[in-house]
Amino acid sequence: LTQWFWNIGPKSKLYYAAREYLRQNKVDTIIATGDPFILFKYASKLS
């Protein structure tokens, strides 16, 4: 439940790693494949 309100839990590390990569590199598109559907939240925020 709480992972939808804050970026916590073991899956959140994917979000932080992606954010760190995008700060230093350009990409044309982001794809999130689910489930887990929390990845859709991360892709939406990164987008």
ModelCIF file with pLDDT and N, C-alpha, C, O atoms, coordinates in Angstrom:
data_MODEL
#
_entry.id   MODEL 
#
_entity.id                         1 
_entity.type                       polymer 
_entity.pdbx_number_of_molecules   1 
#
_entity_poly.entity_id                      1 
_entity_poly.type                           'polypeptide(L)' 
_entity_poly.nstd_linkage                   no 
_entity_poly.nstd_monomer                   no 
_entity_poly.pdbx_seq_one_letter_code       LTQWFWNIGPKSKLYYAAREYLRQNKVDTIIATGDPFILFKYASKLS 
_entity_poly.pdbx_seq_one_letter_code_can   LTQWFWNIGPKSKLYYAAREYLRQNKVDTIIATGDPFILFKYASKLS 
_entity_poly.pdbx_strand_id                 A 
#
loop_
_entity_poly_seq.entity_id 
_entity_poly_seq.num 
_entity_poly_seq.mon_id 
_entity_poly_seq.hetero 
1 1  LEU n 
1 2  THR n 
1 3  GLN n 
1 4  TRP n 
1 5  PHE n 
1 6  TRP n 
1 7  ASN n 
1 8  ILE n 
1 9  GLY n 
1 10 PRO n 
1 11 LYS n 
1 12 SER n 
1 13 LYS n 
1 14 LEU n 
1 15 TYR n 
1 16 TYR n 
1 17 ALA n 
1 18 ALA n 
1 19 ARG n 
1 20 GLU n 
1 21 TYR n 
1 22 LEU n 
1 23 ARG n 
1 24 GLN n 
1 25 ASN n 
1 26 LYS n 
1 27 VAL n 
1 28 ASP n 
1 29 THR n 
1 30 ILE n 
1 31 ILE n 
1 32 ALA n 
1 33 THR n 
1 34 GLY n 
1 35 ASP n 
1 36 PRO n 
1 37 PHE n 
1 38 ILE n 
1 39 LEU n 
1 40 PHE n 
1 41 LYS n 
1 42 TYR n 
1 43 ALA n 
1 44 SER n 
1 45 LYS n 
1 46 LEU n 
1 47 SER n 
#
_struct_asym.id          A 
_struct_asym.entity_id   1 
#
loop_
_ma_qa_metric.id 
_ma_qa_metric.mode 
_ma_qa_metric.name 
_ma_qa_metric.software_group_id 
_ma_qa_metric.type 
1 global pLDDT . pLDDT 
2 local  pLDDT . pLDDT 
#
_ma_qa_metric_global.metric_id      1 
_ma_qa_metric_global.metric_value   93.40 
_ma_qa_metric_global.model_id       1 
_ma_qa_metric_global.ordinal_id     1 
#
loop_
_ma_qa_metric_local.label_asym_id 
_ma_qa_metric_local.label_comp_id 
_ma_qa_metric_local.label_seq_id 
_ma_qa_metric_local.metric_id 
_ma_qa_metric_local.metric_value 
_ma_qa_metric_local.model_id 
_ma_qa_metric_local.ordinal_id 
A LEU 1  2 79.00 1 1  
A THR 2  2 81.00 1 2  
A GLN 3  2 84.00 1 3  
A TRP 4  2 87.00 1 4  
A PHE 5  2 88.00 1 5  
A TRP 6  2 88.00 1 6  
A ASN 7  2 89.00 1 7  
A ILE 8  2 84.00 1 8  
A GLY 9  2 83.00 1 9  
A PRO 10 2 85.00 1 10 
A LYS 11 2 92.00 1 11 
A SER 12 2 93.00 1 12 
A LYS 13 2 94.00 1 13 
A LEU 14 2 96.00 1 14 
A TYR 15 2 97.00 1 15 
A TYR 16 2 96.00 1 16 
A ALA 17 2 97.00 1 17 
A ALA 18 2 97.00 1 18 
A ARG 19 2 97.00 1 19 
A GLU 20 2 97.00 1 20 
A TYR 21 2 97.00 1 21 
A LEU 22 2 97.00 1 22 
A ARG 23 2 96.00 1 23 
A GLN 24 2 95.00 1 24 
A ASN 25 2 96.00 1 25 
A LYS 26 2 96.00 1 26 
A VAL 27 2 97.00 1 27 
A ASP 28 2 96.00 1 28 
A THR 29 2 97.00 1 29 
A ILE 30 2 98.00 1 30 
A ILE 31 2 98.00 1 31 
A ALA 32 2 98.00 1 32 
A THR 33 2 96.00 1 33 
A GLY 34 2 86.00 1 34 
A ASP 35 2 87.00 1 35 
A PRO 36 2 93.00 1 36 
A PHE 37 2 94.00 1 37 
A ILE 38 2 95.00 1 38 
A LEU 39 2 97.00 1 39 
A PHE 40 2 97.00 1 40 
A LYS 41 2 97.00 1 41 
A TYR 42 2 97.00 1 42 
A ALA 43 2 97.00 1 43 
A SER 44 2 97.00 1 44 
A LYS 45 2 97.00 1 45 
A LEU 46 2 98.00 1 46 
A SER 47 2 97.00 1 47 
#
loop_
_atom_site.group_PDB 
_atom_site.id 
_atom_site.type_symbol 
_atom_site.label_atom_id 
_atom_site.label_alt_id 
_atom_site.label_comp_id 
_atom_site.label_asym_id 
_atom_site.label_entity_id 
_atom_site.label_seq_id 
_atom_site.pdbx_PDB_ins_code 
_atom_site.Cartn_x 
_atom_site.Cartn_y 
_atom_site.Cartn_z 
_atom_site.occupancy 
_atom_site.B_iso_or_equiv 
_atom_site.pdbx_formal_charge 
_atom_site.auth_seq_id 
_atom_site.auth_comp_id 
_atom_site.auth_asym_id 
_atom_site.auth_atom_id 
_atom_site.pdbx_PDB_model_num 
ATOM 1   N N  . LEU A 1 1  ? 0.815  -1.216 0.000   1.00 79.00 ? 1  LEU A N  1 
ATOM 2   C CA . LEU A 1 1  ? 0.000  0.000  0.000   1.00 79.00 ? 1  LEU A CA 1 
ATOM 3   C C  . LEU A 1 1  ? 0.847  1.263  0.000   1.00 79.00 ? 1  LEU A C  1 
ATOM 4   O O  . LEU A 1 1  ? 0.627  2.155  -0.819  1.00 79.00 ? 1  LEU A O  1 
ATOM 5   N N  . THR A 1 2  ? 1.812  1.349  0.909   1.00 81.00 ? 2  THR A N  1 
ATOM 6   C CA . THR A 1 2  ? 2.561  2.601  1.073   1.00 81.00 ? 2  THR A CA 1 
ATOM 7   C C  . THR A 1 2  ? 3.476  2.914  -0.102  1.00 81.00 ? 2  THR A C  1 
ATOM 8   O O  . THR A 1 2  ? 3.846  4.072  -0.295  1.00 81.00 ? 2  THR A O  1 
ATOM 9   N N  . GLN A 1 3  ? 3.854  1.898  -0.901  1.00 84.00 ? 3  GLN A N  1 
ATOM 10  C CA . GLN A 1 3  ? 4.729  2.180  -2.049  1.00 84.00 ? 3  GLN A CA 1 
ATOM 11  C C  . GLN A 1 3  ? 4.059  3.104  -3.069  1.00 84.00 ? 3  GLN A C  1 
ATOM 12  O O  . GLN A 1 3  ? 4.732  3.736  -3.884  1.00 84.00 ? 3  GLN A O  1 
ATOM 13  N N  . TRP A 1 4  ? 2.719  3.174  -3.013  1.00 87.00 ? 4  TRP A N  1 
ATOM 14  C CA . TRP A 1 4  ? 2.013  4.051  -3.942  1.00 87.00 ? 4  TRP A CA 1 
ATOM 15  C C  . TRP A 1 4  ? 2.025  5.512  -3.481  1.00 87.00 ? 4  TRP A C  1 
ATOM 16  O O  . TRP A 1 4  ? 1.767  6.415  -4.277  1.00 87.00 ? 4  TRP A O  1 
ATOM 17  N N  . PHE A 1 5  ? 2.319  5.742  -2.217  1.00 88.00 ? 5  PHE A N  1 
ATOM 18  C CA . PHE A 1 5  ? 2.348  7.111  -1.692  1.00 88.00 ? 5  PHE A CA 1 
ATOM 19  C C  . PHE A 1 5  ? 3.769  7.642  -1.542  1.00 88.00 ? 5  PHE A C  1 
ATOM 20  O O  . PHE A 1 5  ? 4.008  8.838  -1.703  1.00 88.00 ? 5  PHE A O  1 
ATOM 21  N N  . TRP A 1 6  ? 4.698  6.765  -1.237  1.00 88.00 ? 6  TRP A N  1 
ATOM 22  C CA . TRP A 1 6  ? 6.102  7.151  -1.122  1.00 88.00 ? 6  TRP A CA 1 
ATOM 23  C C  . TRP A 1 6  ? 6.953  6.155  -1.901  1.00 88.00 ? 6  TRP A C  1 
ATOM 24  O O  . TRP A 1 6  ? 6.531  5.022  -2.134  1.00 88.00 ? 6  TRP A O  1 
ATOM 25  N N  . ASN A 1 7  ? 8.128  6.570  -2.295  1.00 89.00 ? 7  ASN A N  1 
ATOM 26  C CA . ASN A 1 7  ? 9.039  5.681  -3.022  1.00 89.00 ? 7  ASN A CA 1 
ATOM 27  C C  . ASN A 1 7  ? 9.823  4.834  -2.021  1.00 89.00 ? 7  ASN A C  1 
ATOM 28  O O  . ASN A 1 7  ? 10.998 5.087  -1.753  1.00 89.00 ? 7  ASN A O  1 
ATOM 29  N N  . ILE A 1 8  ? 9.149  3.827  -1.479  1.00 84.00 ? 8  ILE A N  1 
ATOM 30  C CA . ILE A 1 8  ? 9.769  2.944  -0.500  1.00 84.00 ? 8  ILE A CA 1 
ATOM 31  C C  . ILE A 1 8  ? 9.539  1.502  -0.919  1.00 84.00 ? 8  ILE A C  1 
ATOM 32  O O  . ILE A 1 8  ? 8.780  1.219  -1.846  1.00 84.00 ? 8  ILE A O  1 
ATOM 33  N N  . GLY A 1 9  ? 10.215 0.591  -0.212  1.00 83.00 ? 9  GLY A N  1 
ATOM 34  C CA . GLY A 1 9  ? 10.096 -0.824 -0.545  1.00 83.00 ? 9  GLY A CA 1 
ATOM 35  C C  . GLY A 1 9  ? 11.194 -1.252 -1.504  1.00 83.00 ? 9  GLY A C  1 
ATOM 36  O O  . GLY A 1 9  ? 11.847 -0.404 -2.113  1.00 83.00 ? 9  GLY A O  1 
ATOM 37  N N  . PRO A 1 10 ? 11.407 -2.547 -1.647  1.00 85.00 ? 10 PRO A N  1 
ATOM 38  C CA . PRO A 1 10 ? 12.532 -3.054 -2.451  1.00 85.00 ? 10 PRO A CA 1 
ATOM 39  C C  . PRO A 1 10 ? 12.454 -2.687 -3.927  1.00 85.00 ? 10 PRO A C  1 
ATOM 40  O O  . PRO A 1 10 ? 13.489 -2.556 -4.580  1.00 85.00 ? 10 PRO A O  1 
ATOM 41  N N  . LYS A 1 11 ? 11.260 -2.521 -4.462  1.00 92.00 ? 11 LYS A N  1 
ATOM 42  C CA . LYS A 1 11 ? 11.138 -2.217 -5.894  1.00 92.00 ? 11 LYS A CA 1 
ATOM 43  C C  . LYS A 1 11 ? 11.507 -0.771 -6.194  1.00 92.00 ? 11 LYS A C  1 
ATOM 44  O O  . LYS A 1 11 ? 11.805 -0.435 -7.340  1.00 92.00 ? 11 LYS A O  1 
ATOM 45  N N  . SER A 1 12 ? 11.491 0.083  -5.186  1.00 93.00 ? 12 SER A N  1 
ATOM 46  C CA . SER A 1 12 ? 11.779 1.500  -5.406  1.00 93.00 ? 12 SER A CA 1 
ATOM 47  C C  . SER A 1 12 ? 13.218 1.732  -5.873  1.00 93.00 ? 12 SER A C  1 
ATOM 48  O O  . SER A 1 12 ? 13.524 2.776  -6.448  1.00 93.00 ? 12 SER A O  1 
ATOM 49  N N  . LYS A 1 13 ? 14.088 0.769  -5.630  1.00 94.00 ? 13 LYS A N  1 
ATOM 50  C CA . LYS A 1 13 ? 15.480 0.928  -6.065  1.00 94.00 ? 13 LYS A CA 1 
ATOM 51  C C  . LYS A 1 13 ? 15.584 1.016  -7.581  1.00 94.00 ? 13 LYS A C  1 
ATOM 52  O O  . LYS A 1 13 ? 16.519 1.619  -8.109  1.00 94.00 ? 13 LYS A O  1 
ATOM 53  N N  . LEU A 1 14 ? 14.627 0.418  -8.281  1.00 96.00 ? 14 LEU A N  1 
ATOM 54  C CA . LEU A 1 14 ? 14.616 0.538  -9.738  1.00 96.00 ? 14 LEU A CA 1 
ATOM 55  C C  . LEU A 1 14 ? 14.339 1.979  -10.149 1.00 96.00 ? 14 LEU A C  1 
ATOM 56  O O  . LEU A 1 14 ? 14.920 2.482  -11.110 1.00 96.00 ? 14 LEU A O  1 
ATOM 57  N N  . TYR A 1 15 ? 13.447 2.638  -9.412  1.00 97.00 ? 15 TYR A N  1 
ATOM 58  C CA . TYR A 1 15 ? 13.135 4.042  -9.711  1.00 97.00 ? 15 TYR A CA 1 
ATOM 59  C C  . TYR A 1 15 ? 14.367 4.916  -9.510  1.00 97.00 ? 15 TYR A C  1 
ATOM 60  O O  . TYR A 1 15 ? 14.703 5.730  -10.371 1.00 97.00 ? 15 TYR A O  1 
ATOM 61  N N  . TYR A 1 16 ? 15.039 4.751  -8.378  1.00 96.00 ? 16 TYR A N  1 
ATOM 62  C CA . TYR A 1 16 ? 16.204 5.592  -8.087  1.00 96.00 ? 16 TYR A CA 1 
ATOM 63  C C  . TYR A 1 16 ? 17.343 5.338  -9.070  1.00 96.00 ? 16 TYR A C  1 
ATOM 64  O O  . TYR A 1 16 ? 18.049 6.269  -9.457  1.00 96.00 ? 16 TYR A O  1 
ATOM 65  N N  . ALA A 1 17 ? 17.522 4.088  -9.471  1.00 97.00 ? 17 ALA A N  1 
ATOM 66  C CA . ALA A 1 17 ? 18.575 3.771  -10.448 1.00 97.00 ? 17 ALA A CA 1 
ATOM 67  C C  . ALA A 1 17 ? 18.244 4.388  -11.804 1.00 97.00 ? 17 ALA A C  1 
ATOM 68  O O  . ALA A 1 17 ? 19.129 4.912  -12.481 1.00 97.00 ? 17 ALA A O  1 
ATOM 69  N N  . ALA A 1 18 ? 16.978 4.327  -12.202 1.00 97.00 ? 18 ALA A N  1 
ATOM 70  C CA . ALA A 1 18 ? 16.569 4.919  -13.475 1.00 97.00 ? 18 ALA A CA 1 
ATOM 71  C C  . ALA A 1 18 ? 16.712 6.435  -13.439 1.00 97.00 ? 18 ALA A C  1 
ATOM 72  O O  . ALA A 1 18 ? 17.167 7.043  -14.407 1.00 97.00 ? 18 ALA A O  1 
ATOM 73  N N  . ARG A 1 19 ? 16.323 7.043  -12.319 1.00 97.00 ? 19 ARG A N  1 
ATOM 74  C CA . ARG A 1 19 ? 16.440 8.503  -12.191 1.00 97.00 ? 19 ARG A CA 1 
ATOM 75  C C  . ARG A 1 19 ? 17.892 8.945  -12.267 1.00 97.00 ? 19 ARG A C  1 
ATOM 76  O O  . ARG A 1 19 ? 18.215 9.944  -12.909 1.00 97.00 ? 19 ARG A O  1 
ATOM 77  N N  . GLU A 1 20 ? 18.762 8.195  -11.610 1.00 97.00 ? 20 GLU A N  1 
ATOM 78  C CA . GLU A 1 20 ? 20.190 8.520  -11.645 1.00 97.00 ? 20 GLU A CA 1 
ATOM 79  C C  . GLU A 1 20 ? 20.744 8.411  -13.060 1.00 97.00 ? 20 GLU A C  1 
ATOM 80  O O  . GLU A 1 20 ? 21.539 9.248  -13.486 1.00 97.00 ? 20 GLU A O  1 
ATOM 81  N N  . TYR A 1 21 ? 20.326 7.384  -13.782 1.00 97.00 ? 21 TYR A N  1 
ATOM 82  C CA . TYR A 1 21 ? 20.799 7.208  -15.163 1.00 97.00 ? 21 TYR A CA 1 
ATOM 83  C C  . TYR A 1 21 ? 20.313 8.359  -16.041 1.00 97.00 ? 21 TYR A C  1 
ATOM 84  O O  . TYR A 1 21 ? 21.081 8.886  -16.847 1.00 97.00 ? 21 TYR A O  1 
ATOM 85  N N  . LEU A 1 22 ? 19.052 8.755  -15.896 1.00 97.00 ? 22 LEU A N  1 
ATOM 86  C CA . LEU A 1 22 ? 18.485 9.787  -16.761 1.00 97.00 ? 22 LEU A CA 1 
ATOM 87  C C  . LEU A 1 22 ? 19.037 11.169 -16.461 1.00 97.00 ? 22 LEU A C  1 
ATOM 88  O O  . LEU A 1 22 ? 18.977 12.055 -17.314 1.00 97.00 ? 22 LEU A O  1 
ATOM 89  N N  . ARG A 1 23 ? 19.564 11.367 -15.282 1.00 96.00 ? 23 ARG A N  1 
ATOM 90  C CA . ARG A 1 23 ? 20.198 12.640 -14.968 1.00 96.00 ? 23 ARG A CA 1 
ATOM 91  C C  . ARG A 1 23 ? 21.481 12.845 -15.768 1.00 96.00 ? 23 ARG A C  1 
ATOM 92  O O  . ARG A 1 23 ? 21.915 13.976 -15.988 1.00 96.00 ? 23 ARG A O  1 
ATOM 93  N N  . GLN A 1 24 ? 22.072 11.750 -16.195 1.00 95.00 ? 24 GLN A N  1 
ATOM 94  C CA . GLN A 1 24 ? 23.365 11.835 -16.892 1.00 95.00 ? 24 GLN A CA 1 
ATOM 95  C C  . GLN A 1 24 ? 23.292 11.381 -18.344 1.00 95.00 ? 24 GLN A C  1 
ATOM 96  O O  . GLN A 1 24 ? 24.252 11.557 -19.095 1.00 95.00 ? 24 GLN A O  1 
ATOM 97  N N  . ASN A 1 25 ? 22.162 10.798 -18.750 1.00 96.00 ? 25 ASN A N  1 
ATOM 98  C CA . ASN A 1 25 ? 22.058 10.246 -20.097 1.00 96.00 ? 25 ASN A CA 1 
ATOM 99  C C  . ASN A 1 25 ? 20.687 10.559 -20.688 1.00 96.00 ? 25 ASN A C  1 
ATOM 100 O O  . ASN A 1 25 ? 19.700 10.663 -19.960 1.00 96.00 ? 25 ASN A O  1 
ATOM 101 N N  . LYS A 1 26 ? 20.631 10.706 -21.997 1.00 96.00 ? 26 LYS A N  1 
ATOM 102 C CA . LYS A 1 26 ? 19.384 10.966 -22.692 1.00 96.00 ? 26 LYS A CA 1 
ATOM 103 C C  . LYS A 1 26 ? 18.842 9.678  -23.309 1.00 96.00 ? 26 LYS A C  1 
ATOM 104 O O  . LYS A 1 26 ? 19.596 8.867  -23.847 1.00 96.00 ? 26 LYS A O  1 
ATOM 105 N N  . VAL A 1 27 ? 17.533 9.506  -23.222 1.00 97.00 ? 27 VAL A N  1 
ATOM 106 C CA . VAL A 1 27 ? 16.871 8.407  -23.925 1.00 97.00 ? 27 VAL A CA 1 
ATOM 107 C C  . VAL A 1 27 ? 15.661 8.982  -24.646 1.00 97.00 ? 27 VAL A C  1 
ATOM 108 O O  . VAL A 1 27 ? 15.199 10.079 -24.331 1.00 97.00 ? 27 VAL A O  1 
ATOM 109 N N  . ASP A 1 28 ? 15.152 8.228  -25.618 1.00 96.00 ? 28 ASP A N  1 
ATOM 110 C CA . ASP A 1 28 ? 14.023 8.696  -26.411 1.00 96.00 ? 28 ASP A CA 1 
ATOM 111 C C  . ASP A 1 28 ? 12.682 8.231  -25.870 1.00 96.00 ? 28 ASP A C  1 
ATOM 112 O O  . ASP A 1 28 ? 11.664 8.898  -26.057 1.00 96.00 ? 28 ASP A O  1 
ATOM 113 N N  . THR A 1 29 ? 12.682 7.082  -25.195 1.00 97.00 ? 29 THR A N  1 
ATOM 114 C CA . THR A 1 29 ? 11.434 6.496  -24.708 1.00 97.00 ? 29 THR A CA 1 
ATOM 115 C C  . THR A 1 29 ? 11.705 5.717  -23.431 1.00 97.00 ? 29 THR A C  1 
ATOM 116 O O  . THR A 1 29 ? 12.808 5.216  -23.215 1.00 97.00 ? 29 THR A O  1 
ATOM 117 N N  . ILE A 1 30 ? 10.690 5.623  -22.593 1.00 98.00 ? 30 ILE A N  1 
ATOM 118 C CA . ILE A 1 30 ? 10.714 4.759  -21.406 1.00 98.00 ? 30 ILE A CA 1 
ATOM 119 C C  . ILE A 1 30 ? 9.615  3.711  -21.569 1.00 98.00 ? 30 ILE A C  1 
ATOM 120 O O  . ILE A 1 30 ? 8.497  4.031  -21.973 1.00 98.00 ? 30 ILE A O  1 
ATOM 121 N N  . ILE A 1 31 ? 9.938  2.466  -21.255 1.00 98.00 ? 31 ILE A N  1 
ATOM 122 C CA . ILE A 1 31 ? 8.936  1.399  -21.235 1.00 98.00 ? 31 ILE A CA 1 
ATOM 123 C C  . ILE A 1 31 ? 8.940  0.774  -19.844 1.00 98.00 ? 31 ILE A C  1 
ATOM 124 O O  . ILE A 1 31 ? 9.998  0.465  -19.296 1.00 98.00 ? 31 ILE A O  1 
ATOM 125 N N  . ALA A 1 32 ? 7.759  0.592  -19.284 1.00 98.00 ? 32 ALA A N  1 
ATOM 126 C CA . ALA A 1 32 ? 7.610  -0.193 -18.050 1.00 98.00 ? 32 ALA A CA 1 
ATOM 127 C C  . ALA A 1 32 ? 6.737  -1.391 -18.375 1.00 98.00 ? 32 ALA A C  1 
ATOM 128 O O  . ALA A 1 32 ? 5.650  -1.240 -18.934 1.00 98.00 ? 32 ALA A O  1 
ATOM 129 N N  . THR A 1 33 ? 7.211  -2.588 -18.025 1.00 96.00 ? 33 THR A N  1 
ATOM 130 C CA . THR A 1 33 ? 6.427  -3.793 -18.274 1.00 96.00 ? 33 THR A CA 1 
ATOM 131 C C  . THR A 1 33 ? 5.931  -4.357 -16.952 1.00 96.00 ? 33 THR A C  1 
ATOM 132 O O  . THR A 1 33 ? 6.712  -4.573 -16.024 1.00 96.00 ? 33 THR A O  1 
ATOM 133 N N  . GLY A 1 34 ? 4.646  -4.590 -16.875 1.00 86.00 ? 34 GLY A N  1 
ATOM 134 C CA . GLY A 1 34 ? 4.052  -5.036 -15.616 1.00 86.00 ? 34 GLY A CA 1 
ATOM 135 C C  . GLY A 1 34 ? 3.225  -6.287 -15.787 1.00 86.00 ? 34 GLY A C  1 
ATOM 136 O O  . GLY A 1 34 ? 2.689  -6.545 -16.865 1.00 86.00 ? 34 GLY A O  1 
ATOM 137 N N  . ASP A 1 35 ? 3.117  -7.085 -14.696 1.00 87.00 ? 35 ASP A N  1 
ATOM 138 C CA . ASP A 1 35 ? 3.382  -6.564 -13.387 1.00 87.00 ? 35 ASP A CA 1 
ATOM 139 C C  . ASP A 1 35 ? 4.832  -6.830 -12.945 1.00 87.00 ? 35 ASP A C  1 
ATOM 140 O O  . ASP A 1 35 ? 5.558  -7.544 -13.636 1.00 87.00 ? 35 ASP A O  1 
ATOM 141 N N  . PRO A 1 36 ? 5.272  -6.252 -11.773 1.00 93.00 ? 36 PRO A N  1 
ATOM 142 C CA . PRO A 1 36 ? 4.520  -5.431 -10.819 1.00 93.00 ? 36 PRO A CA 1 
ATOM 143 C C  . PRO A 1 36 ? 4.172  -4.063 -11.411 1.00 93.00 ? 36 PRO A C  1 
ATOM 144 O O  . PRO A 1 36 ? 4.995  -3.429 -12.072 1.00 93.00 ? 36 PRO A O  1 
ATOM 145 N N  . PHE A 1 37 ? 2.935  -3.622 -11.158 1.00 94.00 ? 37 PHE A N  1 
ATOM 146 C CA . PHE A 1 37 ? 2.448  -2.400 -11.775 1.00 94.00 ? 37 PHE A CA 1 
ATOM 147 C C  . PHE A 1 37 ? 2.958  -1.143 -11.096 1.00 94.00 ? 37 PHE A C  1 
ATOM 148 O O  . PHE A 1 37 ? 2.708  -0.038 -11.579 1.00 94.00 ? 37 PHE A O  1 
ATOM 149 N N  . ILE A 1 38 ? 3.668  -1.288 -9.985  1.00 95.00 ? 38 ILE A N  1 
ATOM 150 C CA . ILE A 1 38 ? 4.321  -0.133 -9.386  1.00 95.00 ? 38 ILE A CA 1 
ATOM 151 C C  . ILE A 1 38 ? 5.326  0.477  -10.364 1.00 95.00 ? 38 ILE A C  1 
ATOM 152 O O  . ILE A 1 38 ? 5.654  1.660  -10.269 1.00 95.00 ? 38 ILE A O  1 
ATOM 153 N N  . LEU A 1 39 ? 5.809  -0.332 -11.298 1.00 97.00 ? 39 LEU A N  1 
ATOM 154 C CA . LEU A 1 39 ? 6.731  0.181  -12.314 1.00 97.00 ? 39 LEU A CA 1 
ATOM 155 C C  . LEU A 1 39 ? 6.058  1.217  -13.195 1.00 97.00 ? 39 LEU A C  1 
ATOM 156 O O  . LEU A 1 39 ? 6.733  2.092  -13.738 1.00 97.00 ? 39 LEU A O  1 
ATOM 157 N N  . PHE A 1 40 ? 4.729  1.140  -13.353 1.00 97.00 ? 40 PHE A N  1 
ATOM 158 C CA . PHE A 1 40 ? 4.010  2.158  -14.118 1.00 97.00 ? 40 PHE A CA 1 
ATOM 159 C C  . PHE A 1 40 ? 4.074  3.505  -13.399 1.00 97.00 ? 40 PHE A C  1 
ATOM 160 O O  . PHE A 1 40 ? 4.210  4.549  -14.037 1.00 97.00 ? 40 PHE A O  1 
ATOM 161 N N  . LYS A 1 41 ? 3.978  3.477  -12.091 1.00 97.00 ? 41 LYS A N  1 
ATOM 162 C CA . LYS A 1 41 ? 4.119  4.713  -11.320 1.00 97.00 ? 41 LYS A CA 1 
ATOM 163 C C  . LYS A 1 41 ? 5.507  5.312  -11.553 1.00 97.00 ? 41 LYS A C  1 
ATOM 164 O O  . LYS A 1 41 ? 5.636  6.510  -11.803 1.00 97.00 ? 41 LYS A O  1 
ATOM 165 N N  . TYR A 1 42 ? 6.528  4.487  -11.469 1.00 97.00 ? 42 TYR A N  1 
ATOM 166 C CA . TYR A 1 42 ? 7.900  4.984  -11.642 1.00 97.00 ? 42 TYR A CA 1 
ATOM 167 C C  . TYR A 1 42 ? 8.101  5.566  -13.042 1.00 97.00 ? 42 TYR A C  1 
ATOM 168 O O  . TYR A 1 42 ? 8.703  6.628  -13.198 1.00 97.00 ? 42 TYR A O  1 
ATOM 169 N N  . ALA A 1 43 ? 7.589  4.859  -14.064 1.00 97.00 ? 43 ALA A N  1 
ATOM 170 C CA . ALA A 1 43 ? 7.741  5.351  -15.434 1.00 97.00 ? 43 ALA A CA 1 
ATOM 171 C C  . ALA A 1 43 ? 6.992  6.666  -15.631 1.00 97.00 ? 43 ALA A C  1 
ATOM 172 O O  . ALA A 1 43 ? 7.476  7.572  -16.309 1.00 97.00 ? 43 ALA A O  1 
ATOM 173 N N  . SER A 1 44 ? 5.807  6.760  -15.032 1.00 97.00 ? 44 SER A N  1 
ATOM 174 C CA . SER A 1 44 ? 5.028  7.986  -15.143 1.00 97.00 ? 44 SER A CA 1 
ATOM 175 C C  . SER A 1 44 ? 5.759  9.169  -14.506 1.00 97.00 ? 44 SER A C  1 
ATOM 176 O O  . SER A 1 44 ? 5.800  10.257 -15.080 1.00 97.00 ? 44 SER A O  1 
ATOM 177 N N  . LYS A 1 45 ? 6.332  8.958  -13.326 1.00 97.00 ? 45 LYS A N  1 
ATOM 178 C CA . LYS A 1 45 ? 7.074  10.018 -12.641 1.00 97.00 ? 45 LYS A CA 1 
ATOM 179 C C  . LYS A 1 45 ? 8.330  10.409 -13.424 1.00 97.00 ? 45 LYS A C  1 
ATOM 180 O O  . LYS A 1 45 ? 8.640  11.593 -13.559 1.00 97.00 ? 45 LYS A O  1 
ATOM 181 N N  . LEU A 1 46 ? 9.039  9.421  -13.931 1.00 98.00 ? 46 LEU A N  1 
ATOM 182 C CA . LEU A 1 46 ? 10.251 9.698  -14.710 1.00 98.00 ? 46 LEU A CA 1 
ATOM 183 C C  . LEU A 1 46 ? 9.909  10.438 -16.001 1.00 98.00 ? 46 LEU A C  1 
ATOM 184 O O  . LEU A 1 46 ? 10.637 11.341 -16.413 1.00 98.00 ? 46 LEU A O  1 
ATOM 185 N N  . SER A 1 47 ? 8.812  10.059 -16.631 1.00 97.00 ? 47 SER A N  1 
ATOM 186 C CA . SER A 1 47 ? 8.369  10.733 -17.849 1.00 97.00 ? 47 SER A CA 1 
ATOM 187 C C  . SER A 1 47 ? 8.089  12.202 -17.575 1.00 97.00 ? 47 SER A C  1 
ATOM 188 O O  . SER A 1 47 ? 7.705  12.938 -18.484 1.00 97.00 ? 47 SER A O  1 
#
